Amino acid sequence: MRPRHVLCFLGGEGAWSRLSEAASRAIGKFATGFSVDTTYSQDEPDSRMTGSFSVSWDRVAPNARSAKDEAAVADHKSVLYVLGPPMSADNAVLCSVGALLLVDAVIEAGATAVKGESAGVAHGLARWAELVREAVAALQSDDNVALSRICRLAFAKRPLAGNVYIETVGYHLVGLPEVHVAKDYGTEREVAALMDAVGDELAQGGLQAVLFDRKARLSHASSYEPDDFKFNPYGIVQISRT
């Protein structure tokens, strides 16, 4: 399965129609290929959301969420899902920018919480707004590396503890392989910083340069099945301490 975005929006009482209409307008204006999901969206609460968001909040950015954001999840009254189009490596960043701007439009219409389902990452509303501002600035300056970074920060999750490595999930949403770092590399903050740096290097210099410069290897031994939203068809860059 080719990578695609699945976005989850929560809203208050009677908000479903308003959020759906905002998403549809964004799709018509700029989020080409996206669609409102009518199968799983619902104008009523979903008891799974508190647990789902609790394991998805970003743990790297300072103040990525607030108590108000957590309360909004607990008190939600409606759920809207929006599906992105299948992406290639060539158009993934552009599609992810569209996803981020769509998030902004639906928040503007009253969404109270947002999660990227494809990698399982959530941010508070203030953090989503910050990411949108940074993306708009990168678009205006035509900075493609910055755009790739901002979309990774928005829609990928890291660091996640695996059996052997500390892992990223979601780099396929910007057309890049995942980055797995040996557990003995350093603290979580150090590993996250390395993952972000390698992501920039992949976006700017390409895979082969990273494999050579970092003395890394490319693996396709994913723990996700090919039909899983988290499966990365571009593989995994594995970095060990030298």
Protein backbone atom coordinates (compact mmCIF):
# COMPACT_ATOMS: atom_id res chain seq x y z
CA MET A 1 0.00 0.00 0.00
CA ARG A 2 1.31 3.44 -0.90
CA PRO A 3 1.66 5.92 1.98
CA ARG A 4 -1.35 8.11 2.71
CA HIS A 5 -2.60 10.42 5.43
CA VAL A 6 -5.46 9.57 7.74
CA LEU A 7 -6.44 12.57 9.88
CA CYS A 8 -8.65 12.41 12.96
CA PHE A 9 -10.50 15.52 14.17
CA LEU A 10 -12.52 15.81 17.36
CA GLY A 11 -15.21 18.39 17.97
CA GLY A 12 -17.84 19.48 20.44
CA GLU A 13 -21.59 19.02 20.50
CA GLY A 14 -23.11 19.35 17.03
CA ALA A 15 -19.73 20.16 15.42
CA TRP A 16 -19.54 17.29 12.95
CA SER A 17 -21.30 19.01 10.05
CA ARG A 18 -19.29 22.20 10.49
CA LEU A 19 -15.99 20.33 10.56
CA SER A 20 -16.96 18.18 7.60
CA GLU A 21 -17.94 21.24 5.57
CA ALA A 22 -14.64 22.97 6.41
CA ALA A 23 -12.70 19.88 5.34
CA SER A 24 -14.67 19.69 2.09
CA ARG A 25 -13.97 23.36 1.33
CA ALA A 26 -10.24 22.82 1.96
CA ILE A 27 -10.30 19.76 -0.30
CA GLY A 28 -11.92 21.81 -3.05
CA LYS A 29 -9.43 24.67 -2.70
CA PHE A 30 -6.04 23.04 -2.13
CA ALA A 31 -6.07 19.55 -0.56
CA THR A 32 -6.43 17.73 -3.88
CA GLY A 33 -7.23 14.04 -3.57
CA PHE A 34 -8.28 14.15 0.08
CA SER A 35 -11.75 12.97 1.06
CA VAL A 36 -14.04 12.99 4.08
CA ASP A 37 -14.53 9.47 5.40
CA THR A 38 -18.19 8.63 5.92
CA THR A 39 -17.67 5.10 7.23
CA TYR A 40 -16.00 5.76 10.58
CA SER A 41 -16.76 9.44 11.18
CA GLN A 42 -19.56 9.97 13.68
CA ASP A 43 -21.54 12.77 15.25
CA GLU A 44 -21.15 11.26 18.72
CA PRO A 45 -18.28 10.51 21.14
CA ASP A 46 -15.91 7.59 20.69
CA SER A 47 -14.84 6.06 24.01
CA ARG A 48 -11.50 4.95 22.51
CA MET A 49 -10.26 8.48 21.90
CA THR A 50 -8.88 9.24 25.35
CA GLY A 51 -6.66 6.16 25.28
CA SER A 52 -5.73 6.67 21.64
CA PHE A 53 -4.63 10.27 22.13
CA SER A 54 -2.86 9.51 25.41
CA VAL A 55 -0.34 7.24 23.66
CA SER A 56 -0.04 9.54 20.63
CA TRP A 57 0.86 12.94 22.12
CA ASP A 58 4.21 14.18 20.84
CA ARG A 59 6.81 13.90 23.63
CA VAL A 60 9.63 15.86 21.97
CA ALA A 61 8.46 19.43 21.34
CA PRO A 62 8.25 21.55 24.51
CA ASN A 63 4.66 22.19 25.58
CA ALA A 64 3.31 20.13 22.67
CA ARG A 65 0.00 19.84 24.50
CA SER A 66 -1.78 21.38 27.49
CA ALA A 67 -4.28 20.27 30.08
CA LYS A 68 -6.91 22.05 27.96
CA ASP A 69 -6.00 19.85 24.98
CA GLU A 70 -6.33 16.71 27.08
CA ALA A 71 -9.68 17.88 28.43
CA ALA A 72 -10.92 18.54 24.88
CA VAL A 73 -10.22 14.92 23.99
CA ALA A 74 -12.01 13.64 27.07
CA ASP A 75 -15.02 15.90 26.44
CA HIS A 76 -15.34 15.47 22.66
CA LYS A 77 -18.77 14.87 21.14
CA SER A 78 -17.94 14.11 17.48
CA VAL A 79 -15.24 12.47 15.37
CA LEU A 80 -14.30 13.29 11.78
CA TYR A 81 -11.83 11.30 9.67
CA VAL A 82 -10.25 12.67 6.50
CA LEU A 83 -8.33 10.41 4.13
CA GLY A 84 -5.44 11.53 1.98
CA PRO A 85 -4.57 10.22 -1.49
CA PRO A 86 -1.92 7.51 -2.01
CA MET A 87 1.44 9.29 -2.29
CA SER A 88 4.71 8.71 -4.10
CA ALA A 89 8.12 9.84 -2.90
CA ASP A 90 7.95 12.68 -5.41
CA ASN A 91 4.70 14.25 -4.21
CA ALA A 92 4.69 13.24 -0.53
CA VAL A 93 5.91 16.57 0.86
CA LEU A 94 3.40 18.51 -1.24
CA CYS A 95 0.56 16.23 -0.06
CA SER A 96 1.73 16.56 3.55
CA VAL A 97 1.74 20.35 3.28
CA GLY A 98 -1.84 20.04 2.02
CA ALA A 99 -2.66 17.86 5.02
CA LEU A 100 -1.18 20.42 7.41
CA LEU A 101 -3.11 23.30 5.84
CA LEU A 102 -6.27 21.18 5.96
CA VAL A 103 -5.66 20.66 9.67
CA ASP A 104 -5.46 24.42 10.07
CA ALA A 105 -8.75 24.94 8.21
CA VAL A 106 -10.65 22.39 10.29
CA ILE A 107 -9.24 23.77 13.54
CA GLU A 108 -10.39 27.20 12.40
CA ALA A 109 -13.88 25.71 11.98
CA GLY A 110 -13.88 24.47 15.57
CA ALA A 111 -11.95 21.20 15.84
CA THR A 112 -10.84 20.77 19.44
CA ALA A 113 -8.20 18.03 18.95
CA VAL A 114 -6.30 16.58 15.99
CA LYS A 115 -4.28 13.41 15.45
CA GLY A 116 -2.40 12.04 12.46
CA GLU A 117 -3.47 8.40 12.38
CA SER A 118 -0.93 7.21 9.81
CA ALA A 119 1.89 7.39 12.37
CA GLY A 120 -0.17 7.83 15.52
CA VAL A 121 0.93 11.34 16.54
CA ALA A 122 -1.09 14.13 18.15
CA HIS A 123 -0.31 17.73 19.05
CA GLY A 124 -2.18 20.36 20.99
CA LEU A 125 -3.91 23.14 19.07
CA ALA A 126 -1.18 25.70 19.81
CA ARG A 127 1.48 23.34 18.49
CA TRP A 128 -0.51 22.64 15.32
CA ALA A 129 -0.79 26.40 14.78
CA GLU A 130 2.97 26.79 15.23
CA LEU A 131 3.65 24.06 12.66
CA VAL A 132 1.28 25.72 10.19
CA ARG A 133 3.01 29.11 10.60
CA GLU A 134 6.40 27.47 10.00
CA ALA A 135 5.12 25.66 6.92
CA VAL A 136 3.70 28.86 5.44
CA ALA A 137 7.04 30.62 6.02
CA ALA A 138 8.92 27.75 4.35
CA LEU A 139 6.54 27.88 1.39
CA GLN A 140 7.08 31.61 1.02
CA SER A 141 10.87 31.18 1.08
CA ASP A 142 10.74 28.11 -1.20
CA ASP A 143 12.68 26.06 1.38
CA ASN A 144 11.92 22.43 0.51
CA VAL A 145 14.19 20.97 3.18
CA ALA A 146 12.43 23.03 5.85
CA LEU A 147 9.05 21.94 4.47
CA SER A 148 10.06 18.29 4.71
CA ARG A 149 11.25 18.84 8.30
CA ILE A 150 8.07 20.62 9.37
CA CYS A 151 5.88 17.91 7.88
CA ARG A 152 7.96 15.24 9.63
CA LEU A 153 7.55 17.05 12.94
CA ALA A 154 3.81 17.32 12.29
CA PHE A 155 3.02 13.80 11.12
CA ALA A 156 5.83 11.43 12.17
CA LYS A 157 6.37 10.09 15.68
CA ARG A 158 9.69 9.60 17.44
CA PRO A 159 11.45 8.27 19.44
CA LEU A 160 9.74 4.90 19.86
CA ALA A 161 11.40 1.98 21.64
CA GLY A 162 11.78 -1.15 19.51
CA ASN A 163 13.46 -4.44 20.32
CA VAL A 164 16.90 -3.39 19.08
CA TYR A 165 16.61 0.24 17.99
CA ILE A 166 14.93 3.48 18.93
CA GLU A 167 12.63 4.12 15.98
CA THR A 168 10.75 6.68 13.95
CA VAL A 169 7.35 6.03 12.39
CA GLY A 170 5.95 8.20 9.63
CA TYR A 171 8.92 9.37 7.57
CA HIS A 172 7.25 7.71 4.56
CA LEU A 173 4.70 10.55 4.74
CA VAL A 174 7.42 12.83 3.32
CA GLY A 175 8.88 10.18 0.98
CA LEU A 176 11.81 9.14 3.19
CA PRO A 177 12.91 5.92 4.91
CA GLU A 178 12.53 5.59 8.65
CA VAL A 179 15.54 6.22 10.92
CA HIS A 180 16.35 3.65 13.60
CA VAL A 181 19.11 4.41 16.10
CA ALA A 182 20.89 1.89 18.33
CA LYS A 183 19.59 1.91 21.89
CA ASP A 184 23.05 2.63 23.31
CA TYR A 185 23.43 5.85 21.32
CA GLY A 186 22.34 8.22 24.10
CA THR A 187 19.36 9.77 25.83
CA GLU A 188 15.93 10.03 24.19
CA ARG A 189 16.56 13.71 23.49
CA GLU A 190 19.90 12.94 21.86
CA VAL A 191 18.35 10.21 19.75
CA ALA A 192 15.45 12.44 18.69
CA ALA A 193 17.90 15.18 17.68
CA LEU A 194 19.87 12.67 15.61
CA MET A 195 16.70 11.40 13.94
CA ASP A 196 15.76 14.97 13.01
CA ALA A 197 19.25 15.70 11.69
CA VAL A 198 19.32 12.54 9.59
CA GLY A 199 15.86 13.38 8.25
CA ASP A 200 17.20 16.72 7.04
CA GLU A 201 20.22 15.00 5.50
CA LEU A 202 18.00 12.52 3.67
CA ALA A 203 15.83 15.34 2.32
CA GLN A 204 18.82 17.42 1.25
CA GLY A 205 21.58 15.00 0.22
CA GLY A 206 19.75 11.76 -0.46
CA LEU A 207 19.91 8.22 0.85
CA GLN A 208 23.29 7.11 -0.47
CA ALA A 209 25.09 10.10 1.03
CA VAL A 210 23.53 9.40 4.43
CA LEU A 211 24.43 5.72 4.32
CA PHE A 212 28.04 6.61 3.51
CA ASP A 213 28.46 9.59 5.86
CA ARG A 214 26.70 7.93 8.81
CA LYS A 215 28.15 4.45 8.18
CA ALA A 216 24.54 3.28 8.23
CA ARG A 217 22.73 0.46 6.49
CA LEU A 218 19.39 0.26 4.71
CA SER A 219 17.00 -2.44 5.87
CA HIS A 220 13.56 -3.47 4.64
CA ALA A 221 12.81 -5.66 7.67
CA SER A 222 9.75 -3.72 8.82
CA SER A 223 7.69 -4.74 11.82
CA TYR A 224 4.59 -3.52 9.94
CA GLU A 225 2.74 -5.41 7.24
CA PRO A 226 2.62 -3.84 3.74
CA ASP A 227 -1.09 -3.04 4.12
CA ASP A 228 -0.53 -1.17 7.41
CA PHE A 229 -0.68 2.65 7.31
CA LYS A 230 2.62 2.70 9.23
CA PHE A 231 4.50 0.53 6.71
CA ASN A 232 7.34 2.42 5.05
CA PRO A 233 8.05 1.19 1.51
CA TYR A 234 11.30 3.18 1.39
CA GLY A 235 12.92 1.06 4.09
CA ILE A 236 14.78 1.87 7.28
CA VAL A 237 18.13 3.61 7.80
CA GLN A 238 19.77 1.82 10.73
CA ILE A 239 22.43 3.72 12.67
CA SER A 240 24.67 2.05 15.23
CA ARG A 241 27.15 3.64 17.59
CA THR A 242 30.61 3.39 16.04
